[in-house]
Protein backbone atom coordinates (compact mmCIF):
# COMPACT_ATOMS: atom_id res chain seq x y z
CA MET A 1 44.43 -32.71 -88.80
CA LEU A 2 42.46 -35.81 -89.69
CA ASN A 3 41.33 -36.57 -93.22
CA ASN A 4 37.97 -38.21 -94.01
CA LYS A 5 39.39 -41.73 -94.27
CA GLN A 6 41.11 -41.46 -90.88
CA ARG A 7 38.00 -39.94 -89.28
CA LYS A 8 35.87 -42.81 -90.65
CA HIS A 9 38.29 -45.39 -89.21
CA LEU A 10 38.16 -43.66 -85.81
CA ARG A 11 34.35 -43.54 -85.88
CA VAL A 12 34.28 -47.32 -86.41
CA LEU A 13 36.61 -47.80 -83.44
CA ALA A 14 34.59 -45.41 -81.28
CA ASN A 15 31.40 -47.31 -82.00
CA ARG A 16 32.63 -50.15 -79.77
CA ILE A 17 33.68 -48.09 -76.75
CA ASN A 18 31.61 -46.69 -73.89
CA SER A 19 31.67 -43.15 -72.57
CA ILE A 20 34.20 -42.76 -69.80
CA PHE A 21 33.49 -39.11 -68.94
CA GLN A 22 30.37 -37.07 -68.34
CA ILE A 23 30.00 -33.31 -68.46
CA GLY A 24 27.29 -32.08 -66.13
CA LYS A 25 26.25 -28.75 -64.68
CA ALA A 26 29.79 -28.08 -63.42
CA GLY A 27 30.91 -27.85 -67.05
CA ILE A 28 34.51 -28.31 -68.13
CA SER A 29 36.74 -27.99 -65.07
CA ASP A 30 40.52 -28.14 -64.78
CA ASN A 31 40.15 -31.53 -63.11
CA LEU A 32 38.14 -32.88 -66.07
CA ILE A 33 40.73 -31.56 -68.51
CA ALA A 34 43.54 -33.29 -66.59
CA GLN A 35 41.63 -36.59 -66.51
CA VAL A 36 40.75 -36.40 -70.23
CA ASP A 37 44.36 -35.57 -71.03
CA ASP A 38 45.56 -38.65 -69.12
CA ALA A 39 42.90 -40.85 -70.75
CA LEU A 40 43.85 -39.66 -74.24
CA GLU A 41 47.50 -40.49 -73.56
CA ALA A 42 46.55 -43.98 -72.36
CA ARG A 43 43.75 -44.82 -74.85
CA GLU A 44 44.13 -42.36 -77.78
CA ILE A 45 40.37 -42.32 -78.37
CA ILE A 46 37.65 -41.53 -75.83
CA LYS A 47 33.92 -40.94 -75.79
CA VAL A 48 32.32 -38.26 -73.61
CA THR A 49 28.65 -37.76 -72.69
CA VAL A 50 27.12 -34.34 -72.08
CA LEU A 51 24.32 -34.62 -69.54
CA LYS A 52 21.01 -32.81 -69.92
CA ASN A 53 21.69 -30.62 -66.88
CA SER A 54 24.84 -29.20 -68.49
CA GLN A 55 24.91 -25.54 -69.48
CA LEU A 56 27.01 -26.43 -72.53
CA ASP A 57 25.87 -27.46 -75.99
CA VAL A 58 27.37 -30.79 -77.12
CA LYS A 59 29.28 -29.25 -80.04
CA ASP A 60 30.59 -26.40 -77.90
CA ALA A 61 31.73 -28.84 -75.21
CA CYS A 62 33.44 -31.01 -77.81
CA HIS A 63 35.36 -28.16 -79.41
CA GLU A 64 36.30 -26.59 -76.07
CA LEU A 65 37.60 -29.86 -74.64
CA ALA A 66 39.44 -30.67 -77.87
CA ARG A 67 41.08 -27.24 -77.85
CA ARG A 68 42.15 -27.49 -74.20
CA THR A 69 43.55 -31.04 -74.57
CA ASN A 70 45.14 -30.55 -78.02
CA SER A 71 43.03 -33.37 -79.43
CA GLU A 72 40.94 -33.80 -82.57
CA PRO A 73 37.14 -33.98 -82.53
CA VAL A 74 36.13 -37.12 -84.41
CA GLN A 75 32.35 -37.18 -84.13
CA VAL A 76 29.45 -35.46 -82.37
CA ILE A 77 26.28 -37.50 -82.27
CA GLY A 78 23.32 -36.95 -79.97
CA ASN A 79 24.62 -36.07 -76.52
CA LYS A 80 28.00 -37.78 -77.04
CA PHE A 81 31.22 -36.90 -78.76
CA VAL A 82 34.51 -38.61 -79.56
CA LEU A 83 38.02 -37.19 -79.22
CA TYR A 84 41.31 -38.55 -80.58
CA ARG A 85 44.92 -37.70 -79.88
CA GLU A 86 47.93 -39.79 -80.86
CA SER A 87 49.72 -41.12 -77.80
CA LYS A 88 53.40 -40.41 -77.36
CA GLU A 89 54.18 -43.54 -75.33
CA HIS A 90 51.21 -45.93 -75.76
CA LYS A 91 50.46 -45.86 -79.49
CA LYS A 92 47.70 -48.36 -80.29
CA ILE A 93 45.90 -46.84 -83.26
CA TYR A 94 47.69 -46.56 -86.58
CA LEU A 95 46.22 -44.22 -89.17
CA ASP A 96 47.23 -44.06 -92.84
């Protein structure tokens, strides 16, 4: 569980990255979960965009994807959200 100071630090880091995944009308598939899981292991922090044609609300998509990838939601803003999970082998982000 992230505290406010850690979440703020992650929001600053997420401000500089681009979305690498998009959720469209297909929703959250097993393939998307596998790709997000791999990306979280490699990068630790990712940004996802929910397209307008998606059936899912941005907050619902964020919490569902976080639950299914064992990651932490950092921020939901507009049609984008940020997820974080500490990497086991490629640790790059150090939180207090």
